[in-house]
């Protein structure tokens, strides 16, 4: 008798699991790092058993019809983090319901999104920097979109992004920089954070430890996107 868990997974079944992960994230069940890692694992899963492990600790863990992801609330106030002649940090576990605003005036702002609970399809950040620094830390594997205006300053992305054609969490940053710096960096450029590993990820951890594996088995690259004026 064949083991159903050993059956090969289809593209449609992988996409269904990715959609389930998005719903779980919107419900506050996954952090951005967990969503990113499990999304990547879903695309690399070969069998039904591997897909089942990824969603085993979530409601409706078996691949099924795509549920609708709740739309982000409209008209809500953007949450601002401000540093004027000083430092401001937002790290650890926190909840992102709406857009985020970061302002640095001769100061330093650090936003660590890796353990944040993201309640929508994307993270929308407006960053305004005058003679200061804003650093935004994300898990490698997200899709970063950076735009805005820079005058006598710099804005850059140092993130290992998801391969083209894959659905990945989106971090959209609009930066306005005057004699300052705005940087979006991934895990490979930041101090690691402690993460809780569950039974689903045992095969994934083993795969990550294989010689020559550096983030993506199928596609690995640095992609920097700069939109707007520099």
N, C-alpha and C. Protein backbone atom coordinates (compact mmCIF):
# COMPACT_ATOMS: atom_id res chain seq x y z
N UNK A 1 0.84 -1.19 0.00
CA UNK A 1 0.00 0.00 0.00
C UNK A 1 0.88 1.25 0.00
N UNK A 2 0.59 2.18 -0.89
CA UNK A 2 1.40 3.39 -1.00
C UNK A 2 1.15 4.34 0.16
N UNK A 3 2.21 5.00 0.57
CA UNK A 3 2.10 6.02 1.62
C UNK A 3 1.65 7.33 0.98
N UNK A 4 0.44 7.88 1.35
CA UNK A 4 -0.03 9.12 0.74
C UNK A 4 0.93 10.27 0.96
N UNK A 5 1.64 10.26 2.09
CA UNK A 5 2.56 11.34 2.39
C UNK A 5 3.75 11.37 1.46
N UNK A 6 4.00 10.22 0.77
CA UNK A 6 5.14 10.17 -0.14
C UNK A 6 4.79 10.54 -1.56
N UNK A 7 3.53 10.84 -1.83
CA UNK A 7 3.13 11.24 -3.18
C UNK A 7 3.76 12.58 -3.55
N UNK A 8 4.11 12.73 -4.82
CA UNK A 8 4.72 13.97 -5.28
C UNK A 8 3.72 15.11 -5.21
N UNK A 9 4.20 16.27 -4.76
CA UNK A 9 3.33 17.45 -4.66
C UNK A 9 3.28 18.17 -5.99
N UNK A 10 2.13 18.75 -6.30
CA UNK A 10 1.97 19.53 -7.53
C UNK A 10 2.20 21.01 -7.25
N UNK A 11 2.38 21.78 -8.31
CA UNK A 11 2.54 23.23 -8.16
C UNK A 11 1.31 23.85 -7.51
N UNK A 12 0.12 23.37 -7.90
CA UNK A 12 -1.11 23.91 -7.33
C UNK A 12 -1.19 23.65 -5.84
N UNK A 13 -0.74 22.48 -5.40
CA UNK A 13 -0.76 22.15 -3.97
C UNK A 13 0.25 23.00 -3.20
N UNK A 14 1.39 23.28 -3.80
CA UNK A 14 2.36 24.16 -3.15
C UNK A 14 1.78 25.57 -3.00
N UNK A 15 1.14 26.07 -4.06
CA UNK A 15 0.54 27.40 -4.00
C UNK A 15 -0.57 27.46 -2.95
N UNK A 16 -1.33 26.36 -2.81
CA UNK A 16 -2.39 26.33 -1.81
C UNK A 16 -1.81 26.43 -0.39
N UNK A 17 -0.68 25.78 -0.16
CA UNK A 17 -0.03 25.87 1.15
C UNK A 17 0.49 27.27 1.39
N UNK A 18 1.07 27.89 0.38
CA UNK A 18 1.56 29.26 0.52
C UNK A 18 0.41 30.20 0.88
N UNK A 19 -0.75 29.98 0.30
CA UNK A 19 -1.91 30.81 0.62
C UNK A 19 -2.37 30.59 2.06
N UNK A 20 -2.31 29.34 2.52
CA UNK A 20 -2.65 29.04 3.91
C UNK A 20 -1.69 29.73 4.87
N UNK A 21 -0.44 29.80 4.49
CA UNK A 21 0.56 30.48 5.32
C UNK A 21 0.25 31.97 5.40
N UNK A 22 -0.17 32.57 4.28
CA UNK A 22 -0.52 33.99 4.29
C UNK A 22 -1.70 34.25 5.24
N UNK A 23 -2.68 33.38 5.20
CA UNK A 23 -3.84 33.54 6.08
C UNK A 23 -3.40 33.43 7.54
N UNK A 24 -2.55 32.44 7.84
CA UNK A 24 -2.06 32.27 9.21
C UNK A 24 -1.31 33.50 9.68
N UNK A 25 -0.53 34.10 8.78
CA UNK A 25 0.20 35.32 9.14
C UNK A 25 -0.77 36.46 9.43
N UNK A 26 -1.81 36.61 8.60
CA UNK A 26 -2.78 37.68 8.81
C UNK A 26 -3.54 37.49 10.12
N UNK A 27 -3.64 36.25 10.58
CA UNK A 27 -4.31 35.96 11.85
C UNK A 27 -3.37 36.06 13.04
N UNK A 28 -2.11 36.40 12.81
CA UNK A 28 -1.15 36.55 13.89
C UNK A 28 -0.52 35.25 14.35
N UNK A 29 -0.60 34.21 13.56
CA UNK A 29 -0.06 32.91 13.96
C UNK A 29 1.41 32.73 13.57
N UNK A 30 1.89 33.55 12.63
CA UNK A 30 3.27 33.45 12.16
C UNK A 30 3.93 34.82 12.15
N UNK A 31 5.20 34.86 12.50
CA UNK A 31 5.97 36.10 12.35
C UNK A 31 6.40 36.22 10.88
N UNK A 32 6.95 37.38 10.52
CA UNK A 32 7.40 37.58 9.16
C UNK A 32 8.51 36.58 8.79
N UNK A 33 9.42 36.31 9.73
CA UNK A 33 10.50 35.35 9.47
C UNK A 33 9.93 33.95 9.26
N UNK A 34 8.98 33.55 10.11
CA UNK A 34 8.37 32.23 9.96
C UNK A 34 7.60 32.12 8.65
N UNK A 35 6.87 33.17 8.29
CA UNK A 35 6.13 33.16 7.03
C UNK A 35 7.09 33.02 5.85
N UNK A 36 8.19 33.76 5.88
CA UNK A 36 9.17 33.72 4.79
C UNK A 36 9.81 32.35 4.68
N UNK A 37 10.24 31.79 5.81
CA UNK A 37 10.90 30.49 5.79
C UNK A 37 9.96 29.38 5.33
N UNK A 38 8.74 29.42 5.83
CA UNK A 38 7.80 28.35 5.46
C UNK A 38 7.36 28.49 4.00
N UNK A 39 7.25 29.73 3.53
CA UNK A 39 6.92 29.92 2.12
C UNK A 39 8.02 29.34 1.24
N UNK A 40 9.26 29.63 1.58
CA UNK A 40 10.38 29.07 0.83
C UNK A 40 10.37 27.55 0.89
N UNK A 41 10.12 27.00 2.09
CA UNK A 41 10.09 25.55 2.25
C UNK A 41 8.97 24.93 1.43
N UNK A 42 7.83 25.61 1.34
CA UNK A 42 6.70 25.08 0.57
C UNK A 42 7.06 24.94 -0.91
N UNK A 43 7.76 25.93 -1.45
CA UNK A 43 8.14 25.87 -2.86
C UNK A 43 9.17 24.79 -3.14
N UNK A 44 9.97 24.45 -2.12
CA UNK A 44 11.00 23.42 -2.30
C UNK A 44 10.52 22.03 -1.91
N UNK A 45 9.32 21.94 -1.30
CA UNK A 45 8.78 20.64 -0.89
C UNK A 45 8.52 19.76 -2.11
N UNK A 46 8.84 18.49 -1.99
CA UNK A 46 8.68 17.55 -3.09
C UNK A 46 7.47 16.62 -2.91
N UNK A 47 7.06 16.40 -1.66
CA UNK A 47 6.00 15.42 -1.40
C UNK A 47 4.88 16.02 -0.56
N UNK A 48 3.74 15.30 -0.52
CA UNK A 48 2.63 15.71 0.35
C UNK A 48 3.06 15.72 1.81
N UNK A 49 3.92 14.76 2.19
CA UNK A 49 4.36 14.67 3.57
C UNK A 49 5.13 15.91 3.99
N UNK A 50 5.99 16.42 3.12
CA UNK A 50 6.76 17.62 3.43
C UNK A 50 5.83 18.84 3.53
N UNK A 51 4.85 18.94 2.64
CA UNK A 51 3.89 20.04 2.72
C UNK A 51 3.09 19.97 4.02
N UNK A 52 2.71 18.76 4.42
CA UNK A 52 1.92 18.60 5.64
C UNK A 52 2.70 19.04 6.87
N UNK A 53 4.03 18.78 6.87
CA UNK A 53 4.84 19.20 8.02
C UNK A 53 4.86 20.72 8.16
N UNK A 54 4.87 21.42 7.04
CA UNK A 54 4.98 22.88 7.06
C UNK A 54 3.77 23.53 7.73
N UNK A 55 2.61 22.91 7.59
CA UNK A 55 1.37 23.50 8.14
C UNK A 55 0.78 22.67 9.28
N UNK A 56 1.55 21.71 9.82
CA UNK A 56 1.02 20.79 10.82
C UNK A 56 0.55 21.49 12.09
N UNK A 57 1.17 22.60 12.46
CA UNK A 57 0.80 23.30 13.69
C UNK A 57 -0.15 24.47 13.42
N UNK A 58 -0.76 24.50 12.22
CA UNK A 58 -1.69 25.56 11.85
C UNK A 58 -3.07 24.97 11.59
N UNK A 59 -4.13 25.76 11.77
CA UNK A 59 -5.48 25.27 11.45
C UNK A 59 -5.58 24.89 9.97
N UNK A 60 -6.26 23.78 9.69
CA UNK A 60 -6.43 23.36 8.30
C UNK A 60 -5.12 23.05 7.65
N UNK A 61 -4.27 22.24 8.31
CA UNK A 61 -2.92 22.00 7.85
C UNK A 61 -2.80 21.21 6.57
N UNK A 62 -3.87 20.58 6.09
CA UNK A 62 -3.79 19.81 4.86
C UNK A 62 -4.08 20.72 3.67
N UNK A 63 -3.28 20.66 2.59
CA UNK A 63 -3.53 21.52 1.43
C UNK A 63 -4.95 21.40 0.94
N UNK A 64 -5.56 22.53 0.62
CA UNK A 64 -6.94 22.54 0.16
C UNK A 64 -7.20 23.77 -0.66
N UNK A 65 -8.48 24.12 -0.84
CA UNK A 65 -8.81 25.31 -1.64
C UNK A 65 -8.19 26.55 -1.05
N UNK A 66 -7.88 27.51 -1.88
CA UNK A 66 -7.26 28.75 -1.43
C UNK A 66 -8.25 29.61 -0.67
N UNK A 67 -8.01 29.91 0.60
CA UNK A 67 -8.89 30.81 1.33
C UNK A 67 -8.57 32.25 1.00
N UNK A 68 -9.52 33.12 1.24
CA UNK A 68 -9.30 34.54 0.99
C UNK A 68 -8.55 35.16 2.16
N UNK A 69 -7.56 35.99 1.86
CA UNK A 69 -6.81 36.69 2.89
C UNK A 69 -7.54 37.99 3.21
N UNK A 70 -7.83 38.26 4.50
CA UNK A 70 -8.54 39.50 4.85
C UNK A 70 -7.79 40.72 4.33
N UNK A 71 -8.52 41.66 3.79
CA UNK A 71 -7.91 42.90 3.29
C UNK A 71 -7.43 43.75 4.46
N UNK A 72 -6.37 44.48 4.24
CA UNK A 72 -5.84 45.35 5.28
C UNK A 72 -6.84 46.48 5.55
N UNK A 73 -7.02 46.85 6.82
CA UNK A 73 -7.94 47.94 7.14
C UNK A 73 -7.54 49.22 6.42
N UNK A 74 -8.53 49.98 5.98
CA UNK A 74 -8.28 51.22 5.27
C UNK A 74 -8.45 52.42 6.20
N UNK A 75 -7.68 53.46 5.94
CA UNK A 75 -7.88 54.71 6.67
C UNK A 75 -7.34 54.72 8.08
N UNK A 76 -6.53 53.72 8.45
CA UNK A 76 -5.97 53.68 9.79
C UNK A 76 -4.72 54.54 9.85
N UNK A 77 -4.33 54.95 11.04
CA UNK A 77 -3.19 55.83 11.22
C UNK A 77 -1.88 55.05 11.12
N UNK A 78 -0.93 55.62 10.40
CA UNK A 78 0.40 55.02 10.29
C UNK A 78 1.12 55.11 11.63
N UNK A 79 1.80 54.04 12.03
CA UNK A 79 2.55 54.02 13.29
C UNK A 79 3.94 54.60 13.05
N UNK A 80 4.31 55.64 13.82
CA UNK A 80 5.57 56.35 13.59
C UNK A 80 6.60 56.02 14.65
N UNK A 81 7.84 55.84 14.20
CA UNK A 81 9.00 55.69 15.09
C UNK A 81 9.94 56.85 14.75
N UNK A 82 10.23 57.69 15.74
CA UNK A 82 10.95 58.95 15.49
C UNK A 82 12.20 59.03 16.36
N UNK A 83 13.31 59.46 15.74
CA UNK A 83 14.54 59.72 16.48
C UNK A 83 15.08 61.09 16.08
N UNK A 84 15.14 62.00 17.04
CA UNK A 84 15.68 63.34 16.83
C UNK A 84 16.85 63.52 17.79
N UNK A 85 18.06 63.62 17.24
CA UNK A 85 19.26 63.73 18.07
C UNK A 85 19.36 62.60 19.08
N UNK A 86 18.98 61.39 18.65
CA UNK A 86 19.01 60.25 19.54
C UNK A 86 18.76 58.96 18.78
N UNK A 87 18.40 57.89 19.50
CA UNK A 87 18.18 56.59 18.89
C UNK A 87 16.75 56.11 19.18
N UNK A 88 16.21 55.35 18.23
CA UNK A 88 14.90 54.72 18.42
C UNK A 88 14.96 53.34 17.79
N UNK A 89 14.50 52.32 18.53
CA UNK A 89 14.53 50.95 18.03
C UNK A 89 13.18 50.28 18.22
N UNK A 90 12.84 49.45 17.26
CA UNK A 90 11.65 48.59 17.39
C UNK A 90 12.09 47.20 16.99
N UNK A 91 12.25 46.34 17.98
CA UNK A 91 12.76 44.99 17.74
C UNK A 91 11.90 43.99 18.50
N UNK A 92 12.23 42.72 18.35
CA UNK A 92 11.51 41.68 19.06
C UNK A 92 10.14 41.42 18.45
N UNK A 93 9.22 40.93 19.30
CA UNK A 93 7.88 40.60 18.84
C UNK A 93 6.98 41.82 18.91
N UNK A 94 6.42 42.20 17.76
CA UNK A 94 5.48 43.31 17.72
C UNK A 94 4.52 43.10 16.56
N UNK A 95 3.44 43.84 16.58
CA UNK A 95 2.35 43.62 15.62
C UNK A 95 2.27 44.79 14.64
N UNK A 96 2.16 44.45 13.35
CA UNK A 96 2.03 45.47 12.31
C UNK A 96 0.67 45.31 11.65
N UNK A 97 -0.25 46.20 11.99
CA UNK A 97 -1.58 46.19 11.40
C UNK A 97 -1.66 47.10 10.19
N UNK A 98 -0.94 48.22 10.25
CA UNK A 98 -1.03 49.23 9.20
C UNK A 98 0.38 49.61 8.75
N UNK A 99 0.48 50.74 8.05
CA UNK A 99 1.77 51.21 7.59
C UNK A 99 2.64 51.69 8.74
N UNK A 100 3.95 51.75 8.47
CA UNK A 100 4.92 52.22 9.46
C UNK A 100 5.60 53.46 8.90
N UNK A 101 5.88 54.42 9.78
CA UNK A 101 6.65 55.59 9.41
C UNK A 101 7.89 55.67 10.28
N UNK A 102 9.04 55.94 9.68
CA UNK A 102 10.29 56.09 10.43
C UNK A 102 10.90 57.44 10.09
N UNK A 103 11.23 58.22 11.12
CA UNK A 103 11.81 59.55 10.93
C UNK A 103 13.10 59.64 11.72
N UNK A 104 14.17 60.04 11.06
CA UNK A 104 15.45 60.23 11.72
C UNK A 104 15.99 61.61 11.37
N UNK A 105 16.19 62.45 12.40
CA UNK A 105 16.79 63.76 12.22
C UNK A 105 18.04 63.79 13.09
N UNK A 106 19.19 63.63 12.48
CA UNK A 106 20.47 63.55 13.20
C UNK A 106 20.39 62.48 14.30
N UNK A 107 19.78 61.37 13.97
CA UNK A 107 19.64 60.26 14.91
C UNK A 107 19.66 58.93 14.17
N UNK A 108 19.40 57.86 14.90
CA UNK A 108 19.42 56.51 14.33
C UNK A 108 18.12 55.79 14.65
N UNK A 109 17.53 55.17 13.63
CA UNK A 109 16.32 54.37 13.80
C UNK A 109 16.60 52.95 13.31
N UNK A 110 16.23 51.95 14.12
CA UNK A 110 16.36 50.55 13.73
C UNK A 110 14.98 49.90 13.82
N UNK A 111 14.53 49.33 12.70
CA UNK A 111 13.28 48.57 12.67
C UNK A 111 13.62 47.13 12.32
N UNK A 112 13.43 46.22 13.26
CA UNK A 112 13.68 44.80 13.01
C UNK A 112 12.33 44.12 12.80
N UNK A 113 12.05 43.73 11.56
CA UNK A 113 10.74 43.16 11.21
C UNK A 113 10.71 41.65 11.31
N UNK A 114 11.79 41.01 11.63
CA UNK A 114 11.86 39.55 11.53
C UNK A 114 10.89 38.85 12.47
N UNK A 115 10.70 39.37 13.69
CA UNK A 115 9.78 38.73 14.63
C UNK A 115 8.45 39.45 14.73
N UNK A 116 8.20 40.34 13.77
CA UNK A 116 6.93 41.07 13.77
C UNK A 116 5.80 40.20 13.21
N UNK A 117 4.59 40.42 13.73
CA UNK A 117 3.39 39.78 13.19
C UNK A 117 2.80 40.74 12.16
N UNK A 118 2.78 40.31 10.92
CA UNK A 118 2.30 41.16 9.83
C UNK A 118 0.88 40.75 9.47
N UNK A 119 -0.07 41.68 9.61
CA UNK A 119 -1.48 41.34 9.44
C UNK A 119 -2.02 41.67 8.04
N UNK A 120 -1.17 41.75 7.07
CA UNK A 120 -1.62 42.03 5.71
C UNK A 120 -0.71 41.35 4.70
N UNK A 121 -0.92 41.61 3.42
CA UNK A 121 -0.12 40.98 2.37
C UNK A 121 1.26 41.61 2.24
N UNK A 122 1.45 42.80 2.79
CA UNK A 122 2.73 43.47 2.64
C UNK A 122 2.97 44.41 3.81
N UNK A 123 4.23 44.84 3.94
CA UNK A 123 4.61 45.85 4.93
C UNK A 123 4.92 47.14 4.17
N UNK A 124 4.22 48.20 4.52
CA UNK A 124 4.39 49.49 3.85
C UNK A 124 5.10 50.45 4.79
N UNK A 125 6.29 50.91 4.40
CA UNK A 125 7.10 51.78 5.26
C UNK A 125 7.45 53.06 4.52
N UNK A 126 7.25 54.20 5.20
CA UNK A 126 7.73 55.49 4.73
C UNK A 126 8.89 55.89 5.63
N UNK A 127 10.06 56.14 5.05
CA UNK A 127 11.25 56.47 5.82
C UNK A 127 11.76 57.85 5.42
N UNK A 128 11.83 58.76 6.40
CA UNK A 128 12.33 60.12 6.15
C UNK A 128 13.59 60.31 6.99
N UNK A 129 14.69 60.65 6.34
CA UNK A 129 15.98 60.70 7.02
C UNK A 129 16.72 61.99 6.67
N UNK A 130 17.06 62.78 7.69
CA UNK A 130 17.81 64.02 7.51
C UNK A 130 19.07 63.94 8.39
N UNK A 131 20.21 63.80 7.76
CA UNK A 131 21.48 63.73 8.48
C UNK A 131 21.45 62.66 9.56
N UNK A 132 20.88 61.52 9.23
CA UNK A 132 20.80 60.42 10.18
C UNK A 132 20.85 59.08 9.46
N UNK A 133 20.47 58.03 10.16
CA UNK A 133 20.49 56.68 9.60
C UNK A 133 19.21 55.95 9.97
N UNK A 134 18.65 55.23 9.00
CA UNK A 134 17.52 54.34 9.24
C UNK A 134 17.90 52.98 8.70
N UNK A 135 17.83 51.97 9.58
CA UNK A 135 18.16 50.60 9.19
C UNK A 135 16.93 49.72 9.40
N UNK A 136 16.54 49.02 8.35
CA UNK A 136 15.37 48.15 8.40
C UNK A 136 15.86 46.72 8.17
N UNK A 137 15.62 45.83 9.14
CA UNK A 137 16.10 44.46 9.08
C UNK A 137 14.93 43.53 8.74
N UNK A 138 15.12 42.71 7.71
CA UNK A 138 14.08 41.79 7.26
C UNK A 138 14.67 40.40 7.12
N UNK A 139 13.85 39.36 7.11
CA UNK A 139 14.39 38.03 6.82
C UNK A 139 14.76 37.91 5.35
N UNK A 140 15.88 37.25 5.05
CA UNK A 140 16.20 36.96 3.66
C UNK A 140 15.07 36.12 3.08
N UNK A 141 14.72 36.40 1.83
CA UNK A 141 13.63 35.67 1.19
C UNK A 141 12.40 36.51 0.96
N UNK A 142 12.34 37.72 1.53
CA UNK A 142 11.22 38.61 1.24
C UNK A 142 11.48 39.33 -0.08
N UNK A 143 10.43 39.93 -0.61
CA UNK A 143 10.55 40.72 -1.83
C UNK A 143 10.59 42.19 -1.42
N UNK A 144 11.71 42.87 -1.66
CA UNK A 144 11.89 44.25 -1.23
C UNK A 144 11.69 45.20 -2.40
N UNK A 145 10.87 46.22 -2.21
CA UNK A 145 10.67 47.27 -3.20
C UNK A 145 11.05 48.60 -2.57
N UNK A 146 12.10 49.21 -3.10
CA UNK A 146 12.63 50.46 -2.55
C UNK A 146 12.49 51.57 -3.58
N UNK A 147 11.88 52.67 -3.17
CA UNK A 147 11.73 53.83 -4.05
C UNK A 147 11.92 55.09 -3.21
N UNK A 148 11.87 56.27 -3.87
CA UNK A 148 11.98 57.52 -3.14
C UNK A 148 13.00 58.45 -3.75
N UNK A 149 13.40 59.44 -2.95
CA UNK A 149 14.32 60.49 -3.40
C UNK A 149 15.50 60.59 -2.44
N UNK A 150 16.70 60.69 -3.01
CA UNK A 150 17.90 60.82 -2.20
C UNK A 150 18.69 62.04 -2.66
N UNK A 151 19.05 62.91 -1.70
CA UNK A 151 19.87 64.09 -1.98
C UNK A 151 21.09 64.04 -1.06
N UNK A 152 22.26 63.88 -1.65
CA UNK A 152 23.51 63.82 -0.88
C UNK A 152 23.42 62.76 0.22
N UNK A 153 22.88 61.61 -0.13
CA UNK A 153 22.76 60.51 0.82
C UNK A 153 22.76 59.19 0.09
N UNK A 154 22.23 58.17 0.72
CA UNK A 154 22.27 56.84 0.13
C UNK A 154 21.07 56.02 0.60
N UNK A 155 20.55 55.19 -0.30
CA UNK A 155 19.55 54.20 0.08
C UNK A 155 19.90 52.92 -0.66
N UNK A 156 19.87 51.79 0.06
CA UNK A 156 20.31 50.56 -0.57
C UNK A 156 19.60 49.35 0.04
N UNK A 157 19.63 48.25 -0.71
CA UNK A 157 19.06 46.97 -0.29
C UNK A 157 20.16 45.93 -0.27
N UNK A 158 20.31 45.24 0.86
CA UNK A 158 21.25 44.13 0.98
C UNK A 158 20.49 42.92 1.51
N UNK A 159 19.70 42.34 0.65
CA UNK A 159 18.81 41.24 1.03
C UNK A 159 18.87 40.17 -0.05
N UNK A 160 18.93 38.90 0.36
CA UNK A 160 18.79 37.79 -0.59
C UNK A 160 17.30 37.61 -0.82
N UNK A 161 16.83 38.05 -1.96
CA UNK A 161 15.40 38.07 -2.22
C UNK A 161 14.93 36.76 -2.85
N UNK A 162 13.62 36.55 -2.83
CA UNK A 162 13.03 35.34 -3.40
C UNK A 162 13.25 35.30 -4.90
N UNK A 163 13.40 34.10 -5.46
CA UNK A 163 13.53 33.99 -6.92
C UNK A 163 12.32 34.58 -7.63
N UNK A 164 12.54 35.07 -8.82
CA UNK A 164 11.45 35.64 -9.62
C UNK A 164 10.39 34.57 -9.88
N UNK A 165 9.15 35.00 -9.88
CA UNK A 165 8.05 34.08 -10.15
C UNK A 165 7.47 33.44 -8.92
N UNK A 166 8.14 33.58 -7.77
CA UNK A 166 7.60 33.02 -6.54
C UNK A 166 6.85 34.08 -5.77
N UNK A 167 5.80 33.66 -5.11
CA UNK A 167 5.03 34.56 -4.26
C UNK A 167 5.73 34.64 -2.92
N UNK A 168 6.14 35.83 -2.51
CA UNK A 168 6.87 36.00 -1.25
C UNK A 168 6.32 37.22 -0.52
N UNK A 169 6.51 37.28 0.81
CA UNK A 169 6.10 38.48 1.55
C UNK A 169 6.78 39.72 0.96
N UNK A 170 6.06 40.83 0.92
CA UNK A 170 6.56 42.06 0.30
C UNK A 170 6.83 43.12 1.36
N UNK A 171 7.99 43.73 1.31
CA UNK A 171 8.32 44.89 2.14
C UNK A 171 8.54 46.06 1.19
N UNK A 172 7.64 47.03 1.23
CA UNK A 172 7.70 48.18 0.33
C UNK A 172 8.15 49.41 1.12
N UNK A 173 9.27 50.00 0.71
CA UNK A 173 9.84 51.15 1.43
C UNK A 173 9.91 52.35 0.49
N UNK A 174 9.35 53.47 0.92
CA UNK A 174 9.49 54.74 0.21
C UNK A 174 10.37 55.63 1.08
N UNK A 175 11.55 55.97 0.56
CA UNK A 175 12.55 56.68 1.36
C UNK A 175 12.80 58.08 0.83
N UNK A 176 12.86 59.03 1.76
CA UNK A 176 13.20 60.42 1.45
C UNK A 176 14.44 60.75 2.27
N UNK A 177 15.58 60.92 1.59
CA UNK A 177 16.85 61.02 2.28
C UNK A 177 17.56 62.32 1.93
N UNK A 178 18.00 63.05 2.96
CA UNK A 178 18.80 64.25 2.79
C UNK A 178 20.05 64.11 3.67
N UNK A 179 21.18 63.89 3.04
CA UNK A 179 22.45 63.76 3.77
C UNK A 179 22.35 62.68 4.85
N UNK A 180 21.80 61.54 4.49
CA UNK A 180 21.67 60.45 5.43
C UNK A 180 21.68 59.11 4.71
N UNK A 181 21.31 58.05 5.41
CA UNK A 181 21.32 56.70 4.85
C UNK A 181 20.07 55.94 5.26
N UNK A 182 19.47 55.24 4.30
CA UNK A 182 18.40 54.29 4.57
C UNK A 182 18.84 52.95 3.98
N UNK A 183 18.90 51.93 4.83
CA UNK A 183 19.35 50.61 4.39
C UNK A 183 18.33 49.55 4.79
N UNK A 184 18.04 48.64 3.86
CA UNK A 184 17.23 47.46 4.16
C UNK A 184 18.17 46.27 4.06
N UNK A 185 18.35 45.56 5.17
CA UNK A 185 19.31 44.46 5.20
C UNK A 185 18.63 43.17 5.63
N UNK A 186 19.17 42.05 5.15
CA UNK A 186 18.64 40.74 5.49
C UNK A 186 19.43 40.06 6.57
N UNK A 187 19.03 38.82 6.90
CA UNK A 187 19.68 38.05 7.96
C UNK A 187 21.18 37.91 7.75
N UNK A 188 21.59 37.77 6.50
CA UNK A 188 23.00 37.54 6.23
C UNK A 188 23.87 38.76 6.53
N UNK A 189 23.24 39.92 6.77
CA UNK A 189 23.98 41.14 7.08
C UNK A 189 23.64 41.68 8.47
N UNK A 190 22.94 40.88 9.28
CA UNK A 190 22.52 41.35 10.61
C UNK A 190 22.79 40.27 11.65
N UNK A 191 22.78 40.70 12.92
CA UNK A 191 22.95 39.73 14.00
C UNK A 191 21.76 38.78 14.01
N UNK A 192 21.99 37.48 14.19
CA UNK A 192 20.88 36.52 14.15
C UNK A 192 19.94 36.69 15.33
N UNK A 193 18.69 36.26 15.12
CA UNK A 193 17.71 36.28 16.21
C UNK A 193 17.37 34.84 16.56
N UNK A 194 16.96 34.62 17.81
CA UNK A 194 16.57 33.27 18.23
C UNK A 194 15.21 32.95 17.63
N UNK A 195 15.11 31.76 17.06
CA UNK A 195 13.85 31.34 16.46
C UNK A 195 13.46 29.97 17.00
N UNK A 196 12.19 29.79 17.22
CA UNK A 196 11.68 28.49 17.67
C UNK A 196 11.48 27.58 16.48
N UNK A 197 12.13 26.40 16.51
CA UNK A 197 11.99 25.44 15.42
C UNK A 197 11.00 24.36 15.84
N UNK A 198 10.13 23.99 14.92
CA UNK A 198 9.13 22.99 15.19
C UNK A 198 9.45 21.72 14.41
N UNK A 199 8.68 20.67 14.66
CA UNK A 199 8.94 19.39 14.01
C UNK A 199 8.90 19.49 12.49
N UNK A 200 8.06 20.41 11.97
CA UNK A 200 7.93 20.52 10.51
C UNK A 200 9.25 20.87 9.83
N UNK A 201 10.14 21.52 10.57
CA UNK A 201 11.33 22.08 9.93
C UNK A 201 12.55 21.17 10.02
N UNK A 202 12.41 19.97 10.55
CA UNK A 202 13.59 19.11 10.67
C UNK A 202 14.21 18.80 9.31
N UNK A 203 13.38 18.44 8.33
CA UNK A 203 13.91 18.15 7.00
C UNK A 203 14.49 19.42 6.35
N UNK A 204 13.89 20.57 6.69
CA UNK A 204 14.33 21.84 6.12
C UNK A 204 15.69 22.23 6.69
N UNK A 205 15.87 22.03 8.02
CA UNK A 205 17.16 22.31 8.62
C UNK A 205 18.25 21.43 8.00
N UNK A 206 17.93 20.16 7.80
CA UNK A 206 18.90 19.26 7.20
C UNK A 206 19.27 19.72 5.79
N UNK A 207 18.30 20.19 5.04
CA UNK A 207 18.55 20.65 3.67
C UNK A 207 19.42 21.90 3.68
N UNK A 208 19.18 22.80 4.63
CA UNK A 208 19.98 24.03 4.72
C UNK A 208 21.44 23.73 5.06
N UNK A 209 21.70 22.61 5.73
CA UNK A 209 23.06 22.29 6.17
C UNK A 209 23.85 21.53 5.12
N UNK A 210 23.23 21.23 3.99
CA UNK A 210 23.96 20.51 2.95
C UNK A 210 25.10 21.39 2.41
N UNK A 211 26.22 20.77 2.03
CA UNK A 211 27.34 21.55 1.46
C UNK A 211 26.90 22.30 0.22
N UNK A 212 27.28 23.57 0.15
CA UNK A 212 26.98 24.37 -1.02
C UNK A 212 25.61 25.01 -1.01
N UNK A 213 24.78 24.68 0.00
CA UNK A 213 23.46 25.29 0.05
C UNK A 213 23.57 26.62 0.76
N UNK A 214 23.15 27.71 0.11
CA UNK A 214 23.36 29.05 0.67
C UNK A 214 22.10 29.88 0.65
N UNK A 215 20.97 29.26 0.92
CA UNK A 215 19.75 30.04 1.01
C UNK A 215 18.67 29.57 0.08
N UNK A 216 19.02 29.21 -1.17
CA UNK A 216 18.05 28.68 -2.11
C UNK A 216 18.72 27.58 -2.93
N UNK A 217 18.13 26.41 -2.96
CA UNK A 217 18.68 25.33 -3.75
C UNK A 217 18.52 25.60 -5.24
N UNK A 218 17.43 26.21 -5.60
CA UNK A 218 17.12 26.37 -7.01
C UNK A 218 17.65 27.67 -7.56
N UNK A 219 17.58 28.73 -6.78
CA UNK A 219 17.94 30.04 -7.32
C UNK A 219 18.46 30.89 -6.17
N UNK A 220 19.66 31.43 -6.29
CA UNK A 220 20.25 32.23 -5.22
C UNK A 220 20.92 33.45 -5.86
N UNK A 221 20.51 34.62 -5.43
CA UNK A 221 21.15 35.81 -5.98
C UNK A 221 20.87 37.01 -5.08
N UNK A 222 21.72 38.02 -5.25
CA UNK A 222 21.46 39.31 -4.64
C UNK A 222 20.76 40.15 -5.70
N UNK A 223 19.67 40.78 -5.33
CA UNK A 223 18.99 41.65 -6.27
C UNK A 223 18.74 42.98 -5.59
N UNK A 224 19.24 44.04 -6.16
CA UNK A 224 19.05 45.37 -5.58
C UNK A 224 18.14 46.17 -6.49
N UNK A 225 17.06 46.69 -5.92
CA UNK A 225 16.14 47.48 -6.72
C UNK A 225 16.14 48.90 -6.18
N UNK A 226 16.49 49.84 -6.99
CA UNK A 226 16.47 51.24 -6.62
C UNK A 226 15.54 51.96 -7.58
N UNK A 227 14.48 52.51 -7.06
CA UNK A 227 13.57 53.28 -7.90
C UNK A 227 13.56 54.72 -7.42
N UNK A 228 13.24 55.64 -8.32
CA UNK A 228 13.21 57.05 -7.96
C UNK A 228 14.55 57.69 -8.26
N UNK A 229 14.79 58.87 -7.68
CA UNK A 229 16.00 59.64 -7.94
C UNK A 229 17.04 59.36 -6.89
N UNK A 230 18.31 59.43 -7.26
CA UNK A 230 19.43 59.26 -6.32
C UNK A 230 20.28 60.49 -6.33
